[in-house]
Structures are given as structure tokens and as C-alpha cells.
Amino acid sequence: MEIFGGFMVMMSILALFLTVIWFITPFVVFAIMGKQDRSLEILERIDKRLLTLEQHLNALQTQQASHETAATDLEEAATPASGQTPLKEL
């Protein structure tokens, strides 16, 4: 009978421990879910901002390339062809 009593004491301590865990677990899970939802919202905003920055960068690169092409065309037009003398400035 003494063994059964000791076993019951150990089981009651274990049951108390599991009950505490059982009551705390939902709060932990919902807190993690809330943080995860918040992190997802922040990540989506960061992704939108990054997409906007990439679009602006591509637009600037396109503009720069067109300006360089125009400058190259002007330089080619300004340089005399072989055998020609450059025009004198007034």
C-alpha cells in the first residue's frame, strides 16, 4: 500500500505540472501567432518598398543609358572623319 501511495503522490505532482503546461500553452501559441502575423505584414511592406526601389533604379539606369548613347552620338558627330580637317572655331 505504501508503494501505491508514493506512486499516487508522484502522479499528482506530474498531473499538476501537466495541468500548468496545458493552461499556459494556448497563450504561448497565440502570442507566437500574433508575432508571426505582425512579421508577415512588415515583410510585405518591406517587399513593396524594395520593388519600388528596384523600379526606380531600372528607370534611372534606362535614362542614364539613353543619355550616354546621346552623348556618344554627339561625340561621333563632332569628331572629323579621317582625311578631313576640323572646322575652326570663330
N, C-alpha and C. Protein backbone atom coordinates (compact mmCIF):
# COMPACT_ATOMS: atom_id res chain seq x y z
N MET A 1 0.82 -1.18 0.00
CA MET A 1 0.00 0.00 0.00
C MET A 1 0.87 1.26 0.00
N GLU A 2 2.01 1.16 0.65
CA GLU A 2 2.91 2.29 0.70
C GLU A 2 3.46 2.64 -0.68
N ILE A 3 3.73 1.64 -1.49
CA ILE A 3 4.20 1.86 -2.86
C ILE A 3 3.12 2.56 -3.67
N PHE A 4 1.88 2.13 -3.50
CA PHE A 4 0.76 2.74 -4.23
C PHE A 4 0.60 4.20 -3.82
N GLY A 5 0.76 4.51 -2.55
CA GLY A 5 0.65 5.90 -2.07
C GLY A 5 1.76 6.78 -2.65
N GLY A 6 2.97 6.29 -2.67
CA GLY A 6 4.09 7.03 -3.26
C GLY A 6 3.89 7.25 -4.75
N PHE A 7 3.38 6.22 -5.41
CA PHE A 7 3.10 6.34 -6.83
C PHE A 7 2.04 7.40 -7.09
N MET A 8 1.02 7.45 -6.24
CA MET A 8 -0.06 8.43 -6.41
C MET A 8 0.45 9.86 -6.17
N VAL A 9 1.37 10.03 -5.22
CA VAL A 9 1.96 11.35 -4.98
C VAL A 9 2.74 11.79 -6.21
N MET A 10 3.54 10.91 -6.77
CA MET A 10 4.29 11.25 -7.98
C MET A 10 3.36 11.57 -9.14
N MET A 11 2.29 10.81 -9.26
CA MET A 11 1.33 11.05 -10.34
C MET A 11 0.61 12.39 -10.14
N SER A 12 0.29 12.73 -8.90
CA SER A 12 -0.38 14.01 -8.66
C SER A 12 0.55 15.18 -8.96
N ILE A 13 1.83 15.06 -8.64
CA ILE A 13 2.79 16.12 -8.96
C ILE A 13 2.93 16.24 -10.48
N LEU A 14 3.02 15.12 -11.15
CA LEU A 14 3.11 15.12 -12.61
C LEU A 14 1.84 15.71 -13.23
N ALA A 15 0.69 15.37 -12.68
CA ALA A 15 -0.58 15.90 -13.19
C ALA A 15 -0.66 17.41 -12.98
N LEU A 16 -0.19 17.89 -11.85
CA LEU A 16 -0.18 19.33 -11.60
C LEU A 16 0.73 20.04 -12.61
N PHE A 17 1.88 19.47 -12.84
CA PHE A 17 2.83 20.02 -13.81
C PHE A 17 2.21 20.06 -15.21
N LEU A 18 1.60 18.98 -15.64
CA LEU A 18 0.97 18.92 -16.96
C LEU A 18 -0.22 19.87 -17.07
N THR A 19 -0.95 20.05 -15.97
CA THR A 19 -2.08 20.99 -15.98
C THR A 19 -1.60 22.42 -16.19
N VAL A 20 -0.53 22.77 -15.51
CA VAL A 20 0.04 24.11 -15.68
C VAL A 20 0.48 24.30 -17.13
N ILE A 21 1.15 23.33 -17.68
CA ILE A 21 1.57 23.41 -19.08
C ILE A 21 0.35 23.50 -20.00
N TRP A 22 -0.68 22.72 -19.70
CA TRP A 22 -1.89 22.72 -20.52
C TRP A 22 -2.57 24.09 -20.54
N PHE A 23 -2.55 24.80 -19.42
CA PHE A 23 -3.18 26.12 -19.37
C PHE A 23 -2.30 27.21 -19.97
N ILE A 24 -0.99 27.07 -19.93
CA ILE A 24 -0.08 28.10 -20.45
C ILE A 24 0.11 27.99 -21.95
N THR A 25 0.08 26.79 -22.50
CA THR A 25 0.37 26.56 -23.91
C THR A 25 -0.49 27.38 -24.87
N PRO A 26 -1.81 27.50 -24.70
CA PRO A 26 -2.58 28.31 -25.68
C PRO A 26 -2.13 29.76 -25.73
N PHE A 27 -1.79 30.34 -24.58
CA PHE A 27 -1.34 31.72 -24.58
C PHE A 27 -0.02 31.88 -25.34
N VAL A 28 0.85 30.92 -25.17
CA VAL A 28 2.13 30.95 -25.88
C VAL A 28 1.90 30.81 -27.39
N VAL A 29 1.04 29.88 -27.77
CA VAL A 29 0.77 29.66 -29.19
C VAL A 29 0.15 30.89 -29.82
N PHE A 30 -0.84 31.50 -29.16
CA PHE A 30 -1.48 32.68 -29.73
C PHE A 30 -0.54 33.88 -29.77
N ALA A 31 0.35 33.99 -28.80
CA ALA A 31 1.34 35.07 -28.82
C ALA A 31 2.28 34.90 -30.00
N ILE A 32 2.71 33.68 -30.24
CA ILE A 32 3.60 33.41 -31.37
C ILE A 32 2.88 33.68 -32.69
N MET A 33 1.61 33.31 -32.77
CA MET A 33 0.84 33.55 -34.00
C MET A 33 0.70 35.05 -34.25
N GLY A 34 0.47 35.83 -33.20
CA GLY A 34 0.37 37.28 -33.35
C GLY A 34 1.66 37.90 -33.84
N LYS A 35 2.77 37.45 -33.27
CA LYS A 35 4.07 37.96 -33.70
C LYS A 35 4.36 37.55 -35.14
N GLN A 36 3.96 36.34 -35.51
CA GLN A 36 4.17 35.87 -36.87
C GLN A 36 3.35 36.69 -37.86
N ASP A 37 2.10 37.01 -37.51
CA ASP A 37 1.27 37.83 -38.39
C ASP A 37 1.87 39.23 -38.54
N ARG A 38 2.35 39.79 -37.45
CA ARG A 38 2.97 41.11 -37.49
C ARG A 38 4.23 41.07 -38.36
N SER A 39 5.03 40.05 -38.21
CA SER A 39 6.25 39.92 -39.02
C SER A 39 5.91 39.78 -40.50
N LEU A 40 4.84 39.07 -40.81
CA LEU A 40 4.42 38.91 -42.19
C LEU A 40 4.00 40.25 -42.79
N GLU A 41 3.26 41.06 -42.03
CA GLU A 41 2.85 42.38 -42.51
C GLU A 41 4.07 43.27 -42.77
N ILE A 42 5.02 43.24 -41.85
CA ILE A 42 6.23 44.05 -42.02
C ILE A 42 7.01 43.57 -43.24
N LEU A 43 7.11 42.27 -43.41
CA LEU A 43 7.83 41.72 -44.55
C LEU A 43 7.17 42.10 -45.87
N GLU A 44 5.85 42.11 -45.92
CA GLU A 44 5.15 42.52 -47.13
C GLU A 44 5.40 43.99 -47.44
N ARG A 45 5.40 44.85 -46.41
CA ARG A 45 5.69 46.27 -46.64
C ARG A 45 7.12 46.47 -47.13
N ILE A 46 8.05 45.72 -46.56
CA ILE A 46 9.45 45.82 -46.99
C ILE A 46 9.57 45.36 -48.44
N ASP A 47 8.86 44.30 -48.81
CA ASP A 47 8.91 43.80 -50.17
C ASP A 47 8.36 44.83 -51.16
N LYS A 48 7.27 45.51 -50.79
CA LYS A 48 6.71 46.55 -51.66
C LYS A 48 7.69 47.71 -51.82
N ARG A 49 8.32 48.11 -50.73
CA ARG A 49 9.29 49.20 -50.80
C ARG A 49 10.48 48.81 -51.65
N LEU A 50 10.94 47.58 -51.53
CA LEU A 50 12.06 47.10 -52.33
C LEU A 50 11.69 47.06 -53.81
N LEU A 51 10.48 46.63 -54.12
CA LEU A 51 10.01 46.61 -55.50
C LEU A 51 9.99 48.02 -56.08
N THR A 52 9.53 48.99 -55.30
CA THR A 52 9.51 50.38 -55.75
C THR A 52 10.92 50.89 -56.01
N LEU A 53 11.84 50.58 -55.11
CA LEU A 53 13.23 50.99 -55.30
C LEU A 53 13.84 50.36 -56.54
N GLU A 54 13.56 49.09 -56.78
CA GLU A 54 14.08 48.42 -57.98
C GLU A 54 13.53 49.06 -59.24
N GLN A 55 12.25 49.42 -59.23
CA GLN A 55 11.66 50.06 -60.41
C GLN A 55 12.30 51.42 -60.66
N HIS A 56 12.53 52.19 -59.60
CA HIS A 56 13.18 53.49 -59.76
C HIS A 56 14.61 53.32 -60.27
N LEU A 57 15.31 52.33 -59.76
CA LEU A 57 16.68 52.08 -60.20
C LEU A 57 16.71 51.69 -61.67
N ASN A 58 15.80 50.83 -62.10
CA ASN A 58 15.75 50.45 -63.51
C ASN A 58 15.44 51.65 -64.39
N ALA A 59 14.54 52.53 -63.93
CA ALA A 59 14.21 53.73 -64.71
C ALA A 59 15.43 54.64 -64.82
N LEU A 60 16.16 54.80 -63.72
CA LEU A 60 17.36 55.64 -63.76
C LEU A 60 18.44 55.05 -64.66
N GLN A 61 18.60 53.74 -64.63
CA GLN A 61 19.59 53.09 -65.49
C GLN A 61 19.21 53.26 -66.96
N THR A 62 17.93 53.17 -67.26
CA THR A 62 17.48 53.35 -68.63
C THR A 62 17.74 54.79 -69.08
N GLN A 63 17.44 55.75 -68.21
CA GLN A 63 17.69 57.15 -68.55
C GLN A 63 19.18 57.41 -68.74
N GLN A 64 20.00 56.84 -67.88
CA GLN A 64 21.44 57.04 -67.99
C GLN A 64 21.96 56.43 -69.27
N ALA A 65 21.47 55.26 -69.63
CA ALA A 65 21.92 54.62 -70.86
C ALA A 65 21.51 55.45 -72.07
N SER A 66 20.32 56.03 -72.06
CA SER A 66 19.90 56.84 -73.21
C SER A 66 20.71 58.12 -73.29
N HIS A 67 21.07 58.71 -72.13
CA HIS A 67 21.91 59.91 -72.14
C HIS A 67 23.31 59.59 -72.63
N GLU A 68 23.86 58.44 -72.23
CA GLU A 68 25.19 58.05 -72.69
C GLU A 68 25.18 57.80 -74.19
N THR A 69 24.12 57.20 -74.69
CA THR A 69 24.00 56.95 -76.13
C THR A 69 23.93 58.27 -76.88
N ALA A 70 23.17 59.22 -76.34
CA ALA A 70 23.06 60.52 -76.98
C ALA A 70 24.40 61.24 -76.94
N ALA A 71 25.12 61.16 -75.84
CA ALA A 71 26.43 61.81 -75.73
C ALA A 71 27.42 61.17 -76.69
N THR A 72 27.37 59.87 -76.84
CA THR A 72 28.26 59.17 -77.77
C THR A 72 27.95 59.60 -79.20
N ASP A 73 26.68 59.72 -79.53
CA ASP A 73 26.29 60.17 -80.87
C ASP A 73 26.80 61.58 -81.14
N LEU A 74 26.71 62.45 -80.15
CA LEU A 74 27.20 63.82 -80.32
C LEU A 74 28.71 63.84 -80.49
N GLU A 75 29.41 63.01 -79.74
CA GLU A 75 30.87 62.95 -79.87
C GLU A 75 31.27 62.43 -81.25
N GLU A 76 30.55 61.44 -81.74
CA GLU A 76 30.86 60.90 -83.07
C GLU A 76 30.58 61.93 -84.15
N ALA A 77 29.54 62.72 -83.97
CA ALA A 77 29.21 63.75 -84.95
C ALA A 77 30.21 64.89 -84.89
N ALA A 78 30.78 65.16 -83.73
CA ALA A 78 31.72 66.27 -83.58
C ALA A 78 33.11 65.92 -84.06
N THR A 79 33.49 64.66 -84.04
CA THR A 79 34.85 64.28 -84.47
C THR A 79 34.90 64.23 -85.99
N PRO A 80 35.95 64.78 -86.56
CA PRO A 80 36.05 64.76 -88.03
C PRO A 80 36.42 63.37 -88.52
N ALA A 81 35.96 63.07 -89.71
CA ALA A 81 36.29 61.79 -90.31
C ALA A 81 37.74 61.82 -90.75
N SER A 82 38.33 60.68 -91.05
CA SER A 82 39.74 60.64 -91.45
C SER A 82 39.90 61.37 -92.78
N GLY A 83 40.94 62.17 -92.84
CA GLY A 83 41.21 62.92 -94.06
C GLY A 83 40.54 64.28 -94.07
N GLN A 84 39.70 64.58 -93.14
CA GLN A 84 39.05 65.88 -93.08
C GLN A 84 39.74 66.72 -92.02
N THR A 85 39.75 68.00 -92.23
CA THR A 85 40.32 68.91 -91.24
C THR A 85 39.18 69.41 -90.37
N PRO A 86 39.43 69.55 -89.09
CA PRO A 86 38.38 70.06 -88.21
C PRO A 86 38.07 71.51 -88.54
N LEU A 87 36.83 71.88 -88.28
CA LEU A 87 36.41 73.25 -88.51
C LEU A 87 37.03 74.18 -87.47
N LYS A 88 37.39 75.37 -87.91
CA LYS A 88 37.97 76.33 -86.97
C LYS A 88 36.83 77.03 -86.25
N GLU A 89 37.06 77.27 -84.96
CA GLU A 89 36.03 77.95 -84.18
C GLU A 89 36.15 79.44 -84.43
N LEU A 90 35.02 80.10 -84.41
CA LEU A 90 35.00 81.56 -84.64
C LEU A 90 35.28 82.32 -83.38
